[in-house]
Amino acid sequence: MDKIGIVSYGANIPRWRIKTEDIASVWGKDGKTISKGLGINEKSVPSMDQDTATISVEATRAALKRCSINPQDIGAIYIGSESHPYAVKPTGTIVGEAIGATPDLMVADYEFACKAGTAAIQSCCALVKAGMIKYGLAVGADTSQAAPGDALEYSASAGGAAFIIGSENVVANINHTYSCTSDTPDFWRRAQRKYPAHGGRFTGAPAYFKHITHCSTNLMNIAKTKPEEYDYAIFHQPNGKFPVSIARKLGFTHDQIKQGLIVPYIGNTYSGASLVGLASVLDVAKPGDRIFLTSYGSGAGSDGFDLSVTEKMNDLSRENAPSVFQMVEDKEYIDYGTYAKVTDLLYWE
């Protein structure tokens, strides 16, 4: 039996984009300065008929197109998001019905800010290892929210990725995983509130950097590895500066992170951010490549993964679904008025 890991994967990114400079101009700000400061040029925007459920369905369909798995063999579906379309009604049931999964199915929606999707992968791994399911589906997707004029408005975007986890025909073994968690309230949204609040600069050093450093260091200690032993590295991407900075701090090079660094082109997809980066890496990965990933979710915690690409990657029909960069390049720009309308942005409490 192969080791437990990723059997197939898929991603979905909305076509609509709005430029950072166009958002800034509405609020009388210098768009070029903001774009440079955040390391984000533009962000994806969901259309009227796109939400976390539809993005999850499309990402999952892409994963199924690349392999020969029968959806009836998927025994668990976990959708990680902080923008589930219903407060009380699971997203996972919609995805299961859409792909033709069996009703004999474990389903749950996960929420842990931007790391809910990686937590879903860990749950699927455990269930496969326990022999309770043959395959599990883990998705990280969001149509993230930000208050008009807030700093988050320049980055909060839409997109997601789906991963089928199993022990047969594994294209990327999950060799090790490690998590750390603390009560660090750097970002929050209370019940019934439309927009989240955040701690500004507090979201950096005691939140993002502390947790990713702790998680990544301990993961490499467990795996007995060093940064130079990895071909690719992906870190959570709230903006274009944080992942570059943490990579450098941990000893990774820009060449190792550039394939998975998607945030400059589409913004921060929250639960999808690190996982869309992983999908981008899997688009080009070759047998023998080693991949390092650390997610981050406010509130706060990180999940780390050490993966190795197997010979089975040569059998995966990656061409059957669009690559991440193909979706990045397939875009249509909209103005702020359209953006505000389709996201119901100007509704205020």
Protein backbone atom coordinates (compact mmCIF):
# COMPACT_ATOMS: atom_id res chain seq x y z
CA MET A 1 0.00 0.00 0.00
CA ASP A 2 1.22 3.47 -0.84
CA LYS A 3 1.57 6.03 1.91
CA ILE A 4 -1.38 8.29 2.64
CA GLY A 5 -1.43 11.51 0.67
CA ILE A 6 -2.90 13.49 -2.18
CA VAL A 7 -4.49 11.38 -4.93
CA SER A 8 -5.75 14.31 -7.00
CA TYR A 9 -6.33 18.04 -6.71
CA GLY A 10 -8.12 20.95 -8.35
CA ALA A 11 -8.55 24.69 -7.93
CA ASN A 12 -11.02 27.38 -8.90
CA ILE A 13 -10.48 31.12 -9.21
CA PRO A 14 -13.20 33.56 -10.36
CA ARG A 15 -12.47 35.40 -13.64
CA TRP A 16 -13.38 38.86 -12.37
CA ARG A 17 -10.59 41.11 -11.06
CA ILE A 18 -10.35 44.58 -9.62
CA LYS A 19 -7.05 46.44 -9.50
CA THR A 20 -5.61 47.69 -6.22
CA GLU A 21 -5.26 51.14 -7.74
CA ASP A 22 -8.96 51.26 -8.64
CA ILE A 23 -9.96 50.51 -5.03
CA ALA A 24 -7.52 53.11 -3.73
CA SER A 25 -8.80 55.82 -6.08
CA VAL A 26 -12.30 55.55 -4.59
CA TRP A 27 -10.92 56.36 -1.14
CA GLY A 28 -8.52 59.07 -2.28
CA LYS A 29 -5.44 56.93 -1.62
CA ASP A 30 -2.22 56.47 -3.59
CA GLY A 31 -2.86 53.13 -5.29
CA LYS A 32 0.71 52.55 -6.42
CA THR A 33 2.03 53.00 -2.90
CA ILE A 34 -0.58 50.64 -1.46
CA SER A 35 0.02 48.04 -4.17
CA LYS A 36 3.75 48.13 -3.56
CA GLY A 37 3.32 48.04 0.22
CA LEU A 38 1.02 45.02 0.14
CA GLY A 39 2.69 43.25 -2.77
CA ILE A 40 -0.75 42.86 -4.40
CA ASN A 41 -1.56 44.20 -7.86
CA GLU A 42 -5.18 43.07 -8.13
CA LYS A 43 -7.63 40.64 -6.57
CA SER A 44 -10.25 38.16 -7.71
CA VAL A 45 -13.93 38.98 -7.20
CA PRO A 46 -16.81 36.49 -7.16
CA SER A 47 -19.63 37.13 -9.61
CA MET A 48 -23.31 37.13 -8.62
CA ASP A 49 -23.53 33.33 -8.88
CA GLN A 50 -20.26 32.44 -7.18
CA ASP A 51 -19.78 31.66 -3.51
CA THR A 52 -17.84 29.22 -1.36
CA ALA A 53 -20.16 26.37 -2.36
CA THR A 54 -19.82 26.87 -6.13
CA ILE A 55 -16.06 27.44 -5.89
CA SER A 56 -15.74 24.24 -3.84
CA VAL A 57 -17.82 22.29 -6.37
CA GLU A 58 -15.76 23.51 -9.33
CA ALA A 59 -12.44 22.83 -7.58
CA THR A 60 -13.65 19.32 -6.69
CA ARG A 61 -14.83 18.64 -10.24
CA ALA A 62 -11.39 19.66 -11.48
CA ALA A 63 -9.81 17.17 -9.07
CA LEU A 64 -12.12 14.40 -10.28
CA LYS A 65 -11.37 15.18 -13.95
CA ARG A 66 -7.69 14.51 -13.33
CA CYS A 67 -8.16 11.00 -11.96
CA SER A 68 -10.41 7.96 -12.34
CA ILE A 69 -11.92 8.00 -8.85
CA ASN A 70 -15.61 7.21 -8.50
CA PRO A 71 -17.25 9.93 -6.36
CA GLN A 72 -19.17 7.13 -4.65
CA ASP A 73 -15.87 6.03 -3.08
CA ILE A 74 -15.44 9.35 -1.27
CA GLY A 75 -16.38 8.70 2.34
CA ALA A 76 -15.88 12.14 3.89
CA ILE A 77 -16.21 15.74 2.72
CA TYR A 78 -14.85 18.60 4.81
CA ILE A 79 -15.10 22.18 3.55
CA GLY A 80 -12.89 24.76 5.27
CA SER A 81 -14.04 28.36 4.96
CA GLU A 82 -14.92 31.48 6.90
CA SER A 83 -17.51 32.53 4.31
CA HIS A 84 -19.87 29.57 4.15
CA PRO A 85 -23.01 30.80 2.34
CA TYR A 86 -25.26 29.66 5.20
CA ALA A 87 -24.85 30.28 8.92
CA VAL A 88 -26.90 27.14 9.55
CA LYS A 89 -26.72 24.76 6.58
CA PRO A 90 -23.57 22.85 5.61
CA THR A 91 -21.68 23.61 2.43
CA GLY A 92 -20.35 20.06 2.27
CA THR A 93 -23.78 18.56 1.54
CA ILE A 94 -24.09 20.79 -1.53
CA VAL A 95 -20.69 19.65 -2.78
CA GLY A 96 -21.51 15.99 -2.16
CA GLU A 97 -24.78 16.22 -4.06
CA ALA A 98 -23.16 18.10 -6.94
CA ILE A 99 -20.46 15.48 -7.52
CA GLY A 100 -22.75 12.48 -7.08
CA ALA A 101 -21.30 11.20 -3.82
CA THR A 102 -22.95 8.42 -1.87
CA PRO A 103 -25.33 9.40 0.97
CA ASP A 104 -23.25 7.10 3.22
CA LEU A 105 -20.96 10.01 3.86
CA MET A 106 -19.34 11.99 6.67
CA VAL A 107 -19.72 15.73 6.11
CA ALA A 108 -18.73 18.75 8.17
CA ASP A 109 -17.94 22.39 7.55
CA TYR A 110 -14.72 23.61 9.14
CA GLU A 111 -13.87 27.11 10.34
CA PHE A 112 -10.49 28.29 11.58
CA ALA A 113 -9.93 31.51 9.68
CA CYS A 114 -7.44 30.84 6.87
CA LYS A 115 -6.27 27.37 7.94
CA ALA A 116 -9.58 25.50 7.93
CA GLY A 117 -8.73 23.79 4.63
CA THR A 118 -5.44 22.37 5.90
CA ALA A 119 -7.24 21.12 9.02
CA ALA A 120 -9.66 19.33 6.68
CA ILE A 121 -6.72 17.59 4.98
CA GLN A 122 -5.44 16.36 8.34
CA SER A 123 -8.88 14.96 9.22
CA CYS A 124 -9.10 13.10 5.93
CA CYS A 125 -5.61 11.67 6.45
CA ALA A 126 -6.59 10.36 9.88
CA LEU A 127 -9.78 8.73 8.60
CA VAL A 128 -7.95 7.05 5.72
CA LYS A 129 -5.21 5.85 8.08
CA ALA A 130 -7.84 4.45 10.46
CA GLY A 131 -9.43 2.52 7.60
CA MET A 132 -12.77 4.26 8.07
CA ILE A 133 -12.88 5.68 4.53
CA LYS A 134 -11.25 4.94 1.19
CA TYR A 135 -11.01 8.56 0.06
CA GLY A 136 -11.64 11.88 1.75
CA LEU A 137 -12.26 15.25 0.13
CA ALA A 138 -10.75 18.33 1.76
CA VAL A 139 -11.48 21.81 0.42
CA GLY A 140 -10.29 25.27 1.41
CA ALA A 141 -12.31 28.06 -0.22
CA ASP A 142 -13.53 31.55 0.54
CA THR A 143 -15.23 34.63 -0.82
CA SER A 144 -13.64 36.77 1.85
CA GLN A 145 -15.16 39.96 3.21
CA ALA A 146 -13.69 43.35 4.11
CA ALA A 147 -15.36 46.57 5.18
CA PRO A 148 -15.35 49.41 2.61
CA GLY A 149 -12.22 51.50 3.00
CA ASP A 150 -10.54 49.07 5.39
CA ALA A 151 -6.99 47.90 4.69
CA LEU A 152 -8.34 44.39 4.10
CA GLU A 153 -10.38 45.59 1.12
CA TYR A 154 -7.26 45.62 -1.04
CA SER A 155 -6.54 41.94 -0.42
CA ALA A 156 -9.73 40.03 0.51
CA SER A 157 -10.55 37.92 -2.56
CA ALA A 158 -12.14 34.68 -3.76
CA GLY A 159 -10.93 31.22 -4.73
CA GLY A 160 -10.20 27.77 -3.43
CA ALA A 161 -8.65 24.35 -3.92
CA ALA A 162 -9.77 20.77 -3.37
CA PHE A 163 -7.70 17.69 -2.52
CA ILE A 164 -8.70 14.04 -2.64
CA ILE A 165 -6.86 12.14 0.10
CA GLY A 166 -6.29 8.39 -0.02
CA SER A 167 -3.73 5.57 0.13
CA GLU A 168 -3.87 4.30 -3.46
CA ASN A 169 -2.29 5.99 -6.50
CA VAL A 170 -0.96 8.75 -4.27
CA VAL A 171 0.73 11.53 -6.28
CA ALA A 172 2.16 13.31 -3.23
CA ASN A 173 2.85 11.48 0.01
CA ILE A 174 2.13 13.39 3.21
CA ASN A 175 5.20 12.32 5.14
CA HIS A 176 4.69 14.46 8.21
CA THR A 177 2.21 17.00 9.56
CA TYR A 178 2.40 19.22 12.61
CA SER A 179 0.11 21.85 14.14
CA CYS A 180 0.34 24.59 16.75
CA THR A 181 -2.41 26.73 18.24
CA SER A 182 -2.82 29.62 20.67
CA ASP A 183 -5.49 32.13 21.68
CA THR A 184 -4.11 35.10 19.73
CA PRO A 185 -7.08 37.28 18.64
CA ASP A 186 -5.53 39.14 15.72
CA PHE A 187 -8.61 38.91 13.49
CA TRP A 188 -12.26 38.25 14.33
CA ARG A 189 -15.87 38.68 13.28
CA ARG A 190 -18.57 38.43 15.92
CA ALA A 191 -21.89 36.73 15.20
CA GLN A 192 -24.26 38.75 12.99
CA ARG A 193 -21.52 41.16 11.93
CA LYS A 194 -21.03 41.54 8.17
CA TYR A 195 -17.36 42.52 8.22
CA PRO A 196 -14.38 41.30 10.23
CA ALA A 197 -12.17 43.38 12.50
CA HIS A 198 -8.43 43.04 12.94
CA GLY A 199 -5.57 44.13 15.14
CA GLY A 200 -3.63 46.01 12.47
CA ARG A 201 0.09 45.53 12.98
CA PHE A 202 -0.69 43.05 15.77
CA THR A 203 -1.53 40.56 13.00
CA GLY A 204 2.19 40.35 12.14
CA ALA A 205 4.83 39.51 14.73
CA PRO A 206 2.78 37.93 17.57
CA ALA A 207 0.34 36.27 15.20
CA TYR A 208 1.39 35.27 11.66
CA PHE A 209 5.17 35.19 12.11
CA LYS A 210 5.20 33.58 15.55
CA HIS A 211 2.92 30.70 14.59
CA ILE A 212 4.40 29.95 11.18
CA THR A 213 7.93 30.07 12.61
CA HIS A 214 7.01 27.73 15.47
CA CYS A 215 5.11 25.30 13.24
CA SER A 216 7.68 25.25 10.44
CA THR A 217 10.66 24.82 12.77
CA ASN A 218 9.05 21.96 14.66
CA LEU A 219 7.92 20.28 11.44
CA MET A 220 11.47 20.30 10.10
CA ASN A 221 12.73 18.95 13.43
CA ILE A 222 10.24 16.07 13.18
CA ALA A 223 11.08 15.42 9.52
CA LYS A 224 14.82 15.88 10.23
CA THR A 225 15.11 18.22 7.25
CA LYS A 226 16.53 21.61 6.36
CA PRO A 227 15.07 24.29 4.05
CA GLU A 228 17.52 23.49 1.25
CA GLU A 229 16.17 19.92 1.02
CA TYR A 230 12.85 21.16 -0.39
CA ASP A 231 12.15 22.00 -4.00
CA TYR A 232 9.08 24.10 -3.19
CA ALA A 233 7.71 25.92 -0.17
CA ILE A 234 4.29 27.49 0.37
CA PHE A 235 3.27 29.73 3.25
CA HIS A 236 -0.03 31.39 4.01
CA GLN A 237 -0.38 34.50 1.87
CA PRO A 238 -2.36 37.35 3.48
CA ASN A 239 -0.36 39.74 1.31
CA GLY A 240 2.68 39.61 -0.94
CA LYS A 241 5.17 40.65 1.73
CA PHE A 242 4.55 38.27 4.67
CA PRO A 243 5.27 34.96 2.86
CA VAL A 244 8.44 36.37 1.31
CA SER A 245 9.61 37.63 4.68
CA ILE A 246 8.88 34.40 6.58
CA ALA A 247 10.51 32.30 3.86
CA ARG A 248 13.69 34.35 4.13
CA LYS A 249 13.61 34.16 7.93
CA LEU A 250 13.30 30.38 7.87
CA GLY A 251 16.05 29.95 5.27
CA PHE A 252 14.01 29.34 2.10
CA THR A 253 14.88 31.08 -1.16
CA HIS A 254 12.64 33.03 -3.51
CA ASP A 255 13.07 30.31 -6.13
CA GLN A 256 11.49 27.84 -3.71
CA ILE A 257 8.40 29.97 -3.06
CA LYS A 258 7.72 31.74 -6.36
CA GLN A 259 5.60 28.97 -7.96
CA GLY A 260 3.21 28.90 -5.02
CA LEU A 261 3.12 32.66 -4.45
CA ILE A 262 -0.23 33.52 -6.03
CA VAL A 263 -1.40 36.41 -3.84
CA PRO A 264 0.10 39.23 -5.99
CA TYR A 265 -2.21 38.18 -8.86
CA ILE A 266 -5.48 37.30 -7.08
CA GLY A 267 -5.24 38.60 -3.50
CA ASN A 268 -5.83 36.66 -0.29
CA THR A 269 -8.30 33.82 -0.75
CA TYR A 270 -8.23 33.13 3.01
CA SER A 271 -8.89 29.38 3.51
CA GLY A 272 -7.84 28.84 -0.09
CA ALA A 273 -4.62 30.88 0.08
CA SER A 274 -1.98 28.29 0.97
CA LEU A 275 -3.93 25.52 -0.77
CA VAL A 276 -4.21 27.36 -4.09
CA GLY A 277 -0.44 27.84 -3.75
CA LEU A 278 -0.04 24.09 -3.22
CA ALA A 279 -2.22 23.39 -6.28
CA SER A 280 0.03 25.67 -8.33
CA VAL A 281 3.08 23.74 -7.18
CA LEU A 282 1.43 20.41 -7.99
CA ASP A 283 0.74 21.77 -11.50
CA VAL A 284 4.48 21.60 -12.23
CA ALA A 285 5.90 19.18 -9.64
CA LYS A 286 7.90 16.15 -10.77
CA PRO A 287 8.44 12.76 -9.11
CA GLY A 288 11.04 13.10 -6.38
CA ASP A 289 10.24 16.74 -5.61
CA ARG A 290 9.84 17.64 -1.94
CA ILE A 291 7.24 20.21 -0.87
CA PHE A 292 6.96 22.19 2.36
CA LEU A 293 3.71 23.92 3.34
CA THR A 294 2.66 25.90 6.41
CA SER A 295 -0.77 27.47 6.65
CA TYR A 296 -1.90 30.10 9.12
CA GLY A 297 -5.29 30.92 10.56
CA SER A 298 -6.03 33.89 12.78
CA GLY A 299 -7.19 33.17 16.27
CA ALA A 300 -4.56 31.58 15.91
CA GLY A 301 -2.77 28.50 14.56
CA SER A 302 -0.73 26.86 11.83
CA ASP A 303 -0.68 23.47 10.13
CA GLY A 304 2.52 22.25 8.51
CA PHE A 305 3.05 19.52 5.90
CA ASP A 306 6.08 17.74 4.49
CA LEU A 307 5.19 16.14 1.15
CA SER A 308 7.07 14.18 -1.48
CA VAL A 309 5.92 13.73 -5.08
CA THR A 310 5.70 10.13 -6.29
CA GLU A 311 6.01 8.43 -9.67
CA LYS A 312 2.19 8.31 -9.77
CA MET A 313 2.25 12.00 -10.67
CA ASN A 314 3.18 10.92 -14.20
CA ASP A 315 -0.17 9.10 -14.43
CA LEU A 316 -2.28 12.00 -13.20
CA SER A 317 -4.13 13.74 -16.06
CA ARG A 318 -3.21 17.24 -14.99
CA GLU A 319 -4.11 18.59 -18.43
CA ASN A 320 -7.79 17.66 -17.90
CA ALA A 321 -8.36 20.76 -15.77
CA PRO A 322 -6.96 24.30 -15.91
CA SER A 323 -3.75 25.00 -14.05
CA VAL A 324 -3.71 27.71 -11.40
CA PHE A 325 -1.74 30.08 -13.62
CA GLN A 326 -4.11 29.46 -16.52
CA MET A 327 -6.93 30.63 -14.25
CA VAL A 328 -4.82 33.55 -13.04
CA GLU A 329 -4.39 34.69 -16.64
CA ASP A 330 -8.04 34.09 -17.61
CA LYS A 331 -9.48 37.32 -16.24
CA GLU A 332 -11.86 40.22 -16.83
CA TYR A 333 -11.51 43.55 -15.06
CA ILE A 334 -14.44 45.25 -13.38
CA ASP A 335 -14.83 48.72 -11.88
CA TYR A 336 -15.51 49.58 -8.24
CA GLY A 337 -19.21 50.07 -8.83
CA THR A 338 -19.65 46.57 -10.21
CA TYR A 339 -17.46 45.16 -7.45
CA ALA A 340 -19.57 46.88 -4.77
CA LYS A 341 -22.80 45.66 -6.35
CA VAL A 342 -21.92 41.98 -6.75
CA THR A 343 -20.38 41.71 -3.27
CA ASP A 344 -23.18 43.69 -1.56
CA LEU A 345 -20.29 45.74 -0.21
CA LEU A 346 -22.11 48.93 0.71
CA TYR A 347 -24.69 47.28 2.92
CA TRP A 348 -23.79 48.56 6.37
CA GLU A 349 -24.99 47.45 9.77
